[in-house]
Structures are given as structure tokens and as C-alpha cells.
PDB file of N, CA and C in Angstrom:
ATOM      1  N   MET A   1      97.701 143.631  78.027  1.00  0.00           N
ATOM      2  CA  MET A   1      97.188 142.529  77.236  1.00  0.00           C
ATOM      3  C   MET A   1      96.506 141.523  78.158  1.00  0.00           C
ATOM      4  N   ALA A   2      95.412 140.992  77.717  1.00  0.00           N
ATOM      5  CA  ALA A   2      94.630 140.058  78.518  1.00  0.00           C
ATOM      6  C   ALA A   2      95.189 138.643  78.395  1.00  0.00           C
ATOM      7  N   ASN A   3      94.993 137.882  79.449  1.00  0.00           N
ATOM      8  CA  ASN A   3      95.399 136.497  79.501  1.00  0.00           C
ATOM      9  C   ASN A   3      94.133 135.639  79.450  1.00  0.00           C
ATOM     10  N   PHE A   4      94.014 134.758  78.453  1.00  0.00           N
ATOM     11  CA  PHE A   4      92.836 133.900  78.354  1.00  0.00           C
ATOM     12  C   PHE A   4      92.987 132.707  79.290  1.00  0.00           C
ATOM     13  N   VAL A   5      91.950 132.488  80.101  1.00  0.00           N
ATOM     14  CA  VAL A   5      91.940 131.437  81.105  1.00  0.00           C
ATOM     15  C   VAL A   5      90.730 130.532  80.852  1.00  0.00           C
ATOM     16  N   LYS A   6      90.949 129.222  80.967  1.00  0.00           N
ATOM     17  CA  LYS A   6      89.820 128.294  80.836  1.00  0.00           C
ATOM     18  C   LYS A   6      88.911 128.451  82.044  1.00  0.00           C
ATOM     19  N   VAL A   7      87.624 128.669  81.765  1.00  0.00           N
ATOM     20  CA  VAL A   7      86.636 128.832  82.827  1.00  0.00           C
ATOM     21  C   VAL A   7      85.815 127.559  82.996  1.00  0.00           C
ATOM     22  N   THR A   8      85.434 126.960  81.883  1.00  0.00           N
ATOM     23  CA  THR A   8      84.597 125.766  81.938  1.00  0.00           C
ATOM     24  C   THR A   8      84.634 125.084  80.578  1.00  0.00           C
ATOM     25  N   GLU A   9      83.863 124.030  80.462  1.00  0.00           N
ATOM     26  CA  GLU A   9      83.666 123.380  79.168  1.00  0.00           C
ATOM     27  C   GLU A   9      82.294 123.779  78.647  1.00  0.00           C
ATOM     28  N   ARG A  10      82.203 123.891  77.352  1.00  0.00           N
ATOM     29  CA  ARG A  10      80.963 124.348  76.715  1.00  0.00           C
ATOM     30  C   ARG A  10      79.768 123.465  77.079  1.00  0.00           C
ATOM     31  N   THR A  11      79.998 122.189  77.288  1.00  0.00           N
ATOM     32  CA  THR A  11      78.904 121.262  77.610  1.00  0.00           C
ATOM     33  C   THR A  11      78.261 121.555  78.965  1.00  0.00           C
ATOM     34  N   VAL A  12      78.945 122.312  79.827  1.00  0.00           N
ATOM     35  CA  VAL A  12      78.401 122.685  81.138  1.00  0.00           C
ATOM     36  C   VAL A  12      77.323 123.757  80.990  1.00  0.00           C
ATOM     37  N   LEU A  13      77.471 124.616  79.992  1.00  0.00           N
ATOM     38  CA  LEU A  13      76.548 125.740  79.805  1.00  0.00           C
ATOM     39  C   LEU A  13      75.240 125.289  79.180  1.00  0.00           C
ATOM     40  N   ARG A  14      74.160 125.873  79.633  1.00  0.00           N
ATOM     41  CA  ARG A  14      72.819 125.581  79.111  1.00  0.00           C
ATOM     42  C   ARG A  14      72.257 126.840  78.464  1.00  0.00           C
ATOM     43  N   GLU A  15      71.642 126.662  77.325  1.00  0.00           N
ATOM     44  CA  GLU A  15      71.057 127.776  76.578  1.00  0.00           C
ATOM     45  C   GLU A  15      70.091 128.569  77.457  1.00  0.00           C
ATOM     46  N   GLY A  16      70.318 129.886  77.517  1.00  0.00           N
ATOM     47  CA  GLY A  16      69.418 130.775  78.240  1.00  0.00           C
ATOM     48  C   GLY A  16      69.536 130.739  79.754  1.00  0.00           C
ATOM     49  N   LYS A  17      70.567 130.105  80.280  1.00  0.00           N
ATOM     50  CA  LYS A  17      70.757 130.011  81.733  1.00  0.00           C
ATOM     51  C   LYS A  17      72.102 130.616  82.116  1.00  0.00           C
ATOM     52  N   GLY A  18      72.167 131.257  83.269  1.00  0.00           N
ATOM     53  CA  GLY A  18      73.413 131.804  83.778  1.00  0.00           C
ATOM     54  C   GLY A  18      74.155 130.793  84.610  1.00  0.00           C
ATOM     55  N   HIS A  19      75.466 130.900  84.599  1.00  0.00           N
ATOM     56  CA  HIS A  19      76.331 130.014  85.370  1.00  0.00           C
ATOM     57  C   HIS A  19      77.395 130.875  86.038  1.00  0.00           C
ATOM     58  N   ALA A  20      77.567 130.713  87.351  1.00  0.00           N
ATOM     59  CA  ALA A  20      78.536 131.509  88.104  1.00  0.00           C
ATOM     60  C   ALA A  20      79.850 130.742  88.254  1.00  0.00           C
ATOM     61  N   PHE A  21      80.960 131.467  88.134  1.00  0.00           N
ATOM     62  CA  PHE A  21      82.303 130.907  88.296  1.00  0.00           C
ATOM     63  C   PHE A  21      83.169 131.936  89.009  1.00  0.00           C
ATOM     64  N   THR A  22      84.121 131.461  89.796  1.00  0.00           N
ATOM     65  CA  THR A  22      85.129 132.332  90.376  1.00  0.00           C
ATOM     66  C   THR A  22      86.439 132.023  89.671  1.00  0.00           C
ATOM     67  N   VAL A  23      87.026 133.045  89.060  1.00  0.00           N
ATOM     68  CA  VAL A  23      88.260 132.883  88.292  1.00  0.00           C
ATOM     69  C   VAL A  23      89.234 133.976  88.715  1.00  0.00           C
ATOM     70  N   GLU A  24      90.382 133.555  89.178  1.00  0.00           N
ATOM     71  CA  GLU A  24      91.425 134.509  89.595  1.00  0.00           C
ATOM     72  C   GLU A  24      90.876 135.597  90.517  1.00  0.00           C
ATOM     73  N   GLY A  25      90.027 135.195  91.445  1.00  0.00           N
ATOM     74  CA  GLY A  25      89.476 136.138  92.418  1.00  0.00           C
ATOM     75  C   GLY A  25      88.317 136.974  91.921  1.00  0.00           C
ATOM     76  N   ARG A  26      87.890 136.765  90.692  1.00  0.00           N
ATOM     77  CA  ARG A  26      86.766 137.524  90.133  1.00  0.00           C
ATOM     78  C   ARG A  26      85.529 136.624  90.053  1.00  0.00           C
ATOM     79  N   GLU A  27      84.382 137.244  90.322  1.00  0.00           N
ATOM     80  CA  GLU A  27      83.104 136.552  90.188  1.00  0.00           C
ATOM     81  C   GLU A  27      82.604 136.775  88.767  1.00  0.00           C
ATOM     82  N   LEU A  28      82.470 135.696  87.994  1.00  0.00           N
ATOM     83  CA  LEU A  28      82.009 135.796  86.609  1.00  0.00           C
ATOM     84  C   LEU A  28      80.672 135.102  86.445  1.00  0.00           C
ATOM     85  N   ALA A  29      79.903 135.588  85.479  1.00  0.00           N
ATOM     86  CA  ALA A  29      78.664 134.930  85.066  1.00  0.00           C
ATOM     87  C   ALA A  29      78.778 134.683  83.565  1.00  0.00           C
ATOM     88  N   LEU A  30      78.540 133.447  83.163  1.00  0.00           N
ATOM     89  CA  LEU A  30      78.560 133.092  81.745  1.00  0.00           C
ATOM     90  C   LEU A  30      77.156 132.700  81.315  1.00  0.00           C
ATOM     91  N   PHE A  31      76.792 133.137  80.128  1.00  0.00           N
ATOM     92  CA  PHE A  31      75.480 132.859  79.558  1.00  0.00           C
ATOM     93  C   PHE A  31      75.664 132.352  78.143  1.00  0.00           C
ATOM     94  N   LEU A  32      74.945 131.308  77.770  1.00  0.00           N
ATOM     95  CA  LEU A  32      74.925 130.811  76.400  1.00  0.00           C
ATOM     96  C   LEU A  32      73.608 131.270  75.781  1.00  0.00           C
ATOM     97  N   ILE A  33      73.724 132.140  74.765  1.00  0.00           N
ATOM     98  CA  ILE A  33      72.537 132.707  74.129  1.00  0.00           C
ATOM     99  C   ILE A  33      72.675 132.525  72.625  1.00  0.00           C
ATOM    100  N   SER A  34      71.780 131.761  72.052  1.00  0.00           N
ATOM    101  CA  SER A  34      71.781 131.494  70.606  1.00  0.00           C
ATOM    102  C   SER A  34      73.156 131.036  70.120  1.00  0.00           C
ATOM    103  N   GLY A  35      73.798 130.185  70.904  1.00  0.00           N
ATOM    104  CA  GLY A  35      75.088 129.627  70.532  1.00  0.00           C
ATOM    105  C   GLY A  35      76.284 130.489  70.857  1.00  0.00           C
ATOM    106  N   THR A  36      76.069 131.708  71.374  1.00  0.00           N
ATOM    107  CA  THR A  36      77.166 132.614  71.720  1.00  0.00           C
ATOM    108  C   THR A  36      77.323 132.670  73.233  1.00  0.00           C
ATOM    109  N   VAL A  37      78.569 132.575  73.701  1.00  0.00           N
ATOM    110  CA  VAL A  37      78.837 132.662  75.132  1.00  0.00           C
ATOM    111  C   VAL A  37      79.161 134.112  75.481  1.00  0.00           C
ATOM    112  N   HIS A  38      78.454 134.642  76.467  1.00  0.00           N
ATOM    113  CA  HIS A  38      78.685 135.991  76.986  1.00  0.00           C
ATOM    114  C   HIS A  38      79.257 135.851  78.389  1.00  0.00           C
ATOM    115  N   ALA A  39      80.270 136.658  78.704  1.00  0.00           N
ATOM    116  CA  ALA A  39      80.868 136.647  80.038  1.00  0.00           C
ATOM    117  C   ALA A  39      80.834 138.055  80.617  1.00  0.00           C
ATOM    118  N   ILE A  40      80.311 138.154  81.833  1.00  0.00           N
ATOM    119  CA  ILE A  40      80.236 139.425  82.544  1.00  0.00           C
ATOM    120  C   ILE A  40      80.706 139.216  83.971  1.00  0.00           C
ATOM    121  N   GLU A  41      80.987 140.312  84.645  1.00  0.00           N
ATOM    122  CA  GLU A  41      81.232 140.217  86.072  1.00  0.00           C
ATOM    123  C   GLU A  41      79.881 139.914  86.722  1.00  0.00           C
ATOM    124  N   ASN A  42      79.865 138.951  87.630  1.00  0.00           N
ATOM    125  CA  ASN A  42      78.615 138.499  88.251  1.00  0.00           C
ATOM    126  C   ASN A  42      78.109 139.470  89.314  1.00  0.00           C
ATOM    127  N   ILE A  43      78.759 140.593  89.486  1.00  0.00           N
ATOM    128  CA  ILE A  43      78.406 141.564  90.518  1.00  0.00           C
ATOM    129  C   ILE A  43      77.489 142.636  89.933  1.00  0.00           C
ATOM    130  N   CYS A  44      76.281 142.763  90.497  1.00  0.00           N
ATOM    131  CA  CYS A  44      75.387 143.839  90.066  1.00  0.00           C
ATOM    132  C   CYS A  44      75.950 145.164  90.578  1.00  0.00           C
ATOM    133  N   PRO A  45      76.126 146.163  89.709  1.00  0.00           N
ATOM    134  CA  PRO A  45      76.685 147.444  90.148  1.00  0.00           C
ATOM    135  C   PRO A  45      75.771 148.233  91.087  1.00  0.00           C
ATOM    136  N   HIS A  46      74.524 147.827  91.222  1.00  0.00           N
ATOM    137  CA  HIS A  46      73.585 148.543  92.092  1.00  0.00           C
ATOM    138  C   HIS A  46      73.940 148.344  93.563  1.00  0.00           C
ATOM    139  N   GLN A  47      74.025 147.100  94.008  1.00  0.00           N
ATOM    140  CA  GLN A  47      74.313 146.808  95.417  1.00  0.00           C
ATOM    141  C   GLN A  47      75.567 145.958  95.596  1.00  0.00           C
ATOM    142  N   HIS A  48      76.294 145.713  94.510  1.00  0.00           N
ATOM    143  CA  HIS A  48      77.551 144.956  94.552  1.00  0.00           C
ATOM    144  C   HIS A  48      77.351 143.546  95.115  1.00  0.00           C
ATOM    145  N   ILE A  49      76.292 142.889  94.659  1.00  0.00           N
ATOM    146  CA  ILE A  49      75.966 141.542  95.104  1.00  0.00           C
ATOM    147  C   ILE A  49      76.196 140.582  93.933  1.00  0.00           C
ATOM    148  N   PRO A  50      76.859 139.429  94.165  1.00  0.00           N
ATOM    149  CA  PRO A  50      77.149 138.488  93.083  1.00  0.00           C
ATOM    150  C   PRO A  50      75.955 137.586  92.750  1.00  0.00           C
ATOM    151  N   VAL A  51      74.969 138.148  92.036  1.00  0.00           N
ATOM    152  CA  VAL A  51      73.741 137.395  91.772  1.00  0.00           C
ATOM    153  C   VAL A  51      73.292 137.407  90.312  1.00  0.00           C
ATOM    154  N   LEU A  52      74.017 138.066  89.426  1.00  0.00           N
ATOM    155  CA  LEU A  52      73.518 138.213  88.058  1.00  0.00           C
ATOM    156  C   LEU A  52      73.336 136.877  87.342  1.00  0.00           C
ATOM    157  N   ALA A  53      74.161 135.883  87.663  1.00  0.00           N
ATOM    158  CA  ALA A  53      74.020 134.561  87.036  1.00  0.00           C
ATOM    159  C   ALA A  53      72.667 133.937  87.354  1.00  0.00           C
ATOM    160  N   GLU A  54      72.051 134.362  88.455  1.00  0.00           N
ATOM    161  CA  GLU A  54      70.750 133.836  88.872  1.00  0.00           C
ATOM    162  C   GLU A  54      69.585 134.629  88.296  1.00  0.00           C
ATOM    163  N   GLY A  55      69.882 135.691  87.560  1.00  0.00           N
ATOM    164  CA  GLY A  55      68.837 136.568  87.048  1.00  0.00           C
ATOM    165  C   GLY A  55      68.017 135.939  85.940  1.00  0.00           C
ATOM    166  N   GLU A  56      66.907 136.590  85.659  1.00  0.00           N
ATOM    167  CA  GLU A  56      66.024 136.135  84.586  1.00  0.00           C
ATOM    168  C   GLU A  56      66.521 136.708  83.263  1.00  0.00           C
ATOM    169  N   LEU A  57      66.589 135.851  82.264  1.00  0.00           N
ATOM    170  CA  LEU A  57      67.118 136.242  80.971  1.00  0.00           C
ATOM    171  C   LEU A  57      65.997 136.275  79.939  1.00  0.00           C
ATOM    172  N   GLU A  58      65.936 137.384  79.187  1.00  0.00           N
ATOM    173  CA  GLU A  58      64.997 137.508  78.079  1.00  0.00           C
ATOM    174  C   GLU A  58      65.783 138.059  76.896  1.00  0.00           C
ATOM    175  N   GLY A  59      66.067 137.194  75.926  1.00  0.00           N
ATOM    176  CA  GLY A  59      66.957 137.573  74.839  1.00  0.00           C
ATOM    177  C   GLY A  59      68.336 137.779  75.426  1.00  0.00           C
ATOM    178  N   THR A  60      68.906 138.966  75.228  1.00  0.00           N
ATOM    179  CA  THR A  60      70.208 139.267  75.831  1.00  0.00           C
ATOM    180  C   THR A  60      70.075 140.178  77.058  1.00  0.00           C
ATOM    181  N   ILE A  61      68.856 140.383  77.525  1.00  0.00           N
ATOM    182  CA  ILE A  61      68.621 141.239  78.693  1.00  0.00           C
ATOM    183  C   ILE A  61      68.564 140.380  79.955  1.00  0.00           C
ATOM    184  N   ILE A  62      69.465 140.697  80.897  1.00  0.00           N
ATOM    185  CA  ILE A  62      69.471 140.007  82.192  1.00  0.00           C
ATOM    186  C   ILE A  62      68.876 140.943  83.234  1.00  0.00           C
ATOM    187  N   THR A  63      67.994 140.395  84.071  1.00  0.00           N
ATOM    188  CA  THR A  63      67.384 141.157  85.153  1.00  0.00           C
ATOM    189  C   THR A  63      67.953 140.669  86.479  1.00  0.00           C
ATOM    190  N   CYS A  64      68.524 141.585  87.245  1.00  0.00           N
ATOM    191  CA  CYS A  64      69.070 141.236  88.549  1.00  0.00           C
ATOM    192  C   CYS A  64      67.937 140.739  89.448  1.00  0.00           C
ATOM    193  N   PRO A  65      68.109 139.572  90.080  1.00  0.00           N
ATOM    194  CA  PRO A  65      67.040 139.028  90.920  1.00  0.00           C
ATOM    195  C   PRO A  65      66.828 139.784  92.233  1.00  0.00           C
ATOM    196  N   MET A  66      67.764 140.645  92.612  1.00  0.00           N
ATOM    197  CA  MET A  66      67.630 141.367  93.884  1.00  0.00           C
ATOM    198  C   MET A  66      66.758 142.615  93.773  1.00  0.00           C
ATOM    199  N   HIS A  67      67.001 143.443  92.755  1.00  0.00           N
ATOM    200  CA  HIS A  67      66.296 144.724  92.684  1.00  0.00           C
ATOM    201  C   HIS A  67      65.739 145.053  91.307  1.00  0.00           C
ATOM    202  N   GLY A  68      65.863 144.124  90.360  1.00  0.00           N
ATOM    203  CA  GLY A  68      65.235 144.312  89.064  1.00  0.00           C
ATOM    204  C   GLY A  68      66.007 145.146  88.057  1.00  0.00           C
ATOM    205  N   TRP A  69      67.227 145.554  88.370  1.00  0.00           N
ATOM    206  CA  TRP A  69      68.003 146.293  87.373  1.00  0.00           C
ATOM    207  C   TRP A  69      68.242 145.390  86.178  1.00  0.00           C
ATOM    208  N   GLN A  70      68.207 145.968  84.992  1.00  0.00           N
ATOM    209  CA  GLN A  70      68.364 145.193  83.764  1.00  0.00           C
ATOM    210  C   GLN A  70      69.571 145.677  82.964  1.00  0.00           C
ATOM    211  N   PHE A  71      70.246 144.697  82.327  1.00  0.00           N
ATOM    212  CA  PHE A  71      71.432 144.988  81.535  1.00  0.00           C
ATOM    213  C   PHE A  71      71.388 144.180  80.249  1.00  0.00           C
ATOM    214  N   ASP A  72      71.929 144.759  79.193  1.00  0.00           N
ATOM    215  CA  ASP A  72      72.033 144.058  77.918  1.00  0.00           C
ATOM    216  C   ASP A  72      73.400 143.377  77.875  1.00  0.00           C
ATOM    217  N   LEU A  73      73.413 142.056  77.815  1.00  0.00           N
ATOM    218  CA  LEU A  73      74.665 141.305  77.800  1.00  0.00           C
ATOM    219  C   LEU A  73      75.480 141.573  76.546  1.00  0.00           C
ATOM    220  N   ALA A  74      74.842 141.973  75.474  1.00  0.00           N
ATOM    221  CA  ALA A  74      75.546 142.236  74.214  1.00  0.00           C
ATOM    222  C   ALA A  74      76.365 143.525  74.280  1.00  0.00           C
ATOM    223  N   THR A  75      75.904 144.498  75.078  1.00  0.00           N
ATOM    224  CA  THR A  75      76.586 145.798  75.142  1.00  0.00           C
ATOM    225  C   THR A  75      77.141 146.119  76.528  1.00  0.00           C
ATOM    226  N   GLY A  76      76.615 145.469  77.548  1.00  0.00           N
ATOM    227  CA  GLY A  76      76.988 145.768  78.929  1.00  0.00           C
ATOM    228  C   GLY A  76      76.222 146.931  79.515  1.00  0.00           C
ATOM    229  N   LYS A  77      75.460 147.647  78.706  1.00  0.00           N
ATOM    230  CA  LYS A  77      74.752 148.843  79.167  1.00  0.00           C
ATOM    231  C   LYS A  77      73.498 148.485  79.963  1.00  0.00           C
ATOM    232  N   SER A  78      73.207 149.344  80.922  1.00  0.00           N
ATOM    233  CA  SER A  78      71.990 149.208  81.709  1.00  0.00           C
ATOM    234  C   SER A  78      70.796 149.622  80.857  1.00  0.00           C
ATOM    235  N   VAL A  79      69.699 148.930  81.038  1.00  0.00           N
ATOM    236  CA  VAL A  79      68.459 149.259  80.329  1.00  0.00           C
ATOM    237  C   VAL A  79      67.731 150.388  81.047  1.00  0.00           C
ATOM    238  N   ASN A  80      67.850 150.443  82.383  1.00  0.00           N
ATOM    239  CA  ASN A  80      67.063 151.400  83.154  1.00  0.00           C
ATOM    240  C   ASN A  80      67.889 152.279  84.097  1.00  0.00           C
ATOM    241  N   ALA A  81      69.180 152.395  83.847  1.00  0.00           N
ATOM    242  CA  ALA A  81      70.039 153.272  84.658  1.00  0.00           C
ATOM    243  C   ALA A  81      71.261 153.652  83.826  1.00  0.00           C
ATOM    244  N   SER A  82      72.168 154.389  84.423  1.00  0.00           N
ATOM    245  CA  SER A  82      73.338 154.828  83.659  1.00  0.00           C
ATOM    246  C   SER A  82      74.558 153.936  83.859  1.00  0.00           C
ATOM    247  N   SER A  83      74.432 152.891  84.655  1.00  0.00           N
ATOM    248  CA  SER A  83      75.583 152.019  84.915  1.00  0.00           C
ATOM    249  C   SER A  83      75.772 151.020  83.775  1.00  0.00           C
ATOM    250  N   ARG A  84      76.860 150.270  83.880  1.00  0.00           N
ATOM    251  CA  ARG A  84      77.117 149.225  82.893  1.00  0.00           C
ATOM    252  C   ARG A  84      77.859 148.082  83.565  1.00  0.00           C
ATOM    253  N   LEU A  85      77.816 146.936  82.925  1.00  0.00           N
ATOM    254  CA  LEU A  85      78.501 145.743  83.417  1.00  0.00           C
ATOM    255  C   LEU A  85      79.893 145.645  82.827  1.00  0.00           C
ATOM    256  N   THR A  86      80.782 145.017  83.567  1.00  0.00           N
ATOM    257  CA  THR A  86      82.086 144.674  83.022  1.00  0.00           C
ATOM    258  C   THR A  86      81.918 143.414  82.193  1.00  0.00           C
ATOM    259  N   GLN A  87      82.307 143.496  80.932  1.00  0.00           N
ATOM    260  CA  GLN A  87      82.217 142.354  80.023  1.00  0.00           C
ATOM    261  C   GLN A  87      83.617 141.801  79.797  1.00  0.00           C
ATOM    262  N   TYR A  88      83.676 140.516  79.473  1.00  0.00           N
ATOM    263  CA  TYR A  88      84.940 139.852  79.197  1.00  0.00           C
ATOM    264  C   TYR A  88      84.878 139.198  77.826  1.00  0.00           C
ATOM    265  N   GLU A  89      85.976 139.280  77.104  1.00  0.00           N
ATOM    266  CA  GLU A  89      86.076 138.617  75.804  1.00  0.00           C
ATOM    267  C   GLU A  89      86.099 137.109  76.024  1.00  0.00           C
ATOM    268  N   VAL A  90      85.396 136.390  75.141  1.00  0.00           N
ATOM    269  CA  VAL A  90      85.296 134.935  75.245  1.00  0.00           C
ATOM    270  C   VAL A  90      85.809 134.303  73.964  1.00  0.00           C
ATOM    271  N   ARG A  91      86.559 133.226  74.119  1.00  0.00           N
ATOM    272  CA  ARG A  91      86.971 132.383  72.997  1.00  0.00           C
ATOM    273  C   ARG A  91      86.598 130.952  73.340  1.00  0.00           C
ATOM    274  N   CYS A  92      86.065 130.254  72.361  1.00  0.00           N
ATOM    275  CA  CYS A  92      85.809 128.831  72.537  1.00  0.00           C
ATOM    276  C   CYS A  92      86.856 128.082  71.721  1.00  0.00           C
ATOM    277  N   GLU A  93      87.652 127.278  72.414  1.00  0.00           N
ATOM    278  CA  GLU A  93      88.684 126.475  71.783  1.00  0.00           C
ATOM    279  C   GLU A  93      88.306 125.022  71.981  1.00  0.00           C
ATOM    280  N   GLY A  94      87.723 124.441  70.935  1.00  0.00           N
ATOM    281  CA  GLY A  94      87.162 123.104  71.088  1.00  0.00           C
ATOM    282  C   GLY A  94      86.008 123.181  72.064  1.00  0.00           C
ATOM    283  N   GLU A  95      86.039 122.378  73.101  1.00  0.00           N
ATOM    284  CA  GLU A  95      85.002 122.412  74.140  1.00  0.00           C
ATOM    285  C   GLU A  95      85.346 123.373  75.266  1.00  0.00           C
ATOM    286  N   ASN A  96      86.550 123.920  75.276  1.00  0.00           N
ATOM    287  CA  ASN A  96      86.973 124.817  76.348  1.00  0.00           C
ATOM    288  C   ASN A  96      86.457 126.226  76.127  1.00  0.00           C
ATOM    289  N   VAL A  97      85.871 126.801  77.175  1.00  0.00           N
ATOM    290  CA  VAL A  97      85.434 128.197  77.152  1.00  0.00           C
ATOM    291  C   VAL A  97      86.512 128.997  77.861  1.00  0.00           C
ATOM    292  N   MET A  98      87.152 129.878  77.103  1.00  0.00           N
ATOM    293  CA  MET A  98      88.266 130.681  77.586  1.00  0.00           C
ATOM    294  C   MET A  98      87.800 132.130  77.722  1.00  0.00           C
ATOM    295  N   VAL A  99      88.142 132.768  78.841  1.00  0.00           N
ATOM    296  CA  VAL A  99      87.748 134.154  79.096  1.00  0.00           C
ATOM    297  C   VAL A  99      89.008 134.989  79.299  1.00  0.00           C
ATOM    298  N   ALA A 100      89.033 136.164  78.677  1.00  0.00           N
ATOM    299  CA  ALA A 100      90.167 137.077  78.807  1.00  0.00           C
ATOM    300  C   ALA A 100      90.113 137.751  80.166  1.00  0.00           C
ATOM    301  N   MET A 101      91.129 137.502  80.967  1.00  0.00           N
ATOM    302  CA  MET A 101      91.215 138.125  82.284  1.00  0.00           C
ATOM    303  C   MET A 101      92.190 139.292  82.201  1.00  0.00           C
ATOM    304  N   PRO A 102      91.802 140.455  82.700  1.00  0.00           N
ATOM    305  CA  PRO A 102      92.711 141.606  82.665  1.00  0.00           C
ATOM    306  C   PRO A 102      93.914 141.365  83.571  1.00  0.00           C
ATOM    307  N   GLU A 103      94.988 142.089  83.283  1.00  0.00           N
ATOM    308  CA  GLU A 103      96.196 141.919  84.077  1.00  0.00           C
ATOM    309  C   GLU A 103      95.999 142.360  85.515  1.00  0.00           C
ATOM    310  N   ASP A 104      95.249 143.461  85.725  1.00  0.00           N
ATOM    311  CA  ASP A 104      94.982 143.830  87.117  1.00  0.00           C
ATOM    312  C   ASP A 104      93.919 142.885  87.644  1.00  0.00           C
ATOM    313  N   ASN A 105      93.917 142.645  88.917  1.00  0.00           N
ATOM    314  CA  ASN A 105      92.977 141.692  89.487  1.00  0.00           C
ATOM    315  C   ASN A 105      91.967 142.378  90.396  1.00  0.00           C
ATOM    316  N   GLU A 106      91.657 143.616  90.066  1.00  0.00           N
ATOM    317  CA  GLU A 106      90.728 144.383  90.887  1.00  0.00           C
ATOM    318  C   GLU A 106      89.351 144.414  90.237  1.00  0.00           C
ATOM    319  N   ALA A 107      88.328 144.131  90.998  1.00  0.00           N
ATOM    320  CA  ALA A 107      86.964 144.187  90.485  1.00  0.00           C
ATOM    321  C   ALA A 107      86.656 145.592  89.979  1.00  0.00           C
ATOM    322  N   SER A 108      85.840 145.691  88.974  1.00  0.00           N
ATOM    323  CA  SER A 108      85.557 146.976  88.327  1.00  0.00           C
ATOM    324  C   SER A 108      84.881 147.990  89.240  1.00  0.00           C
ATOM    325  N   TRP A 109      84.148 147.543  90.239  1.00  0.00           N
ATOM    326  CA  TRP A 109      83.382 148.467  91.072  1.00  0.00           C
ATOM    327  C   TRP A 109      84.122 148.899  92.323  1.00  0.00           C
ATOM    328  N   TRP A 110      85.340 148.431  92.536  1.00  0.00           N
ATOM    329  CA  TRP A 110      86.104 148.846  93.732  1.00  0.00           C
ATOM    330  C   TRP A 110      86.440 150.288  93.660  1.00  0.00           C
TER     331      TRP A 110
END
């Protein structure tokens, strides 16, 4: 069972922009898109670099700024490869943005 942890306040997030956070040893990227908060691991599975929060966003498609790999934040699936992103469940409780952290604390790509 996942444990929901407060990551930030909703007022910190900006529409269409990525925000990086470190939570319980994990690198997370949060995106506010059309009023919905998406949470993914901020590590691109291509080169294992924590840069996805800095990527260019078009709709729900994030483009890694290092090598151009693209992922759909709604599904976690890669647009141009067979990899996928680790997604996290998000709950907004008032102004608090809560993210479900798995019980194991190991990054998905280890």
C-alpha cells in the first residue's frame, strides 16, 4: 500500500511548467496541466538523468531536454520508444499536493 506524502502546495505549481522535487530519496517531476497535477519520476529512462521537469511540454507530452525522448504524462508511455515513465498517484487535499510513495524506496530504473 502506498503512503501519501505532501510534496508541495498547489500555488507553487504553474500551468504547463514542470517542477522538480526530491521526496524520500526519489526525484519527482510535477506538472499542472489543465488543472490536473501529474507526478512522474524526474529521471529520463534513456540516460537516467534527472531533467524531465525541465523538458518542453506540449499538451501532456513531455520532451526530455537532453536527447528529445518524448513521453505522455497521462499514460507514462514513450511516444518514440518502448520505455515508459514511473507515474505516481496524486491527491490534492486543500492546497496540499500529496503523492503516493511506494513502500520500497528504490528508483524504478535501478
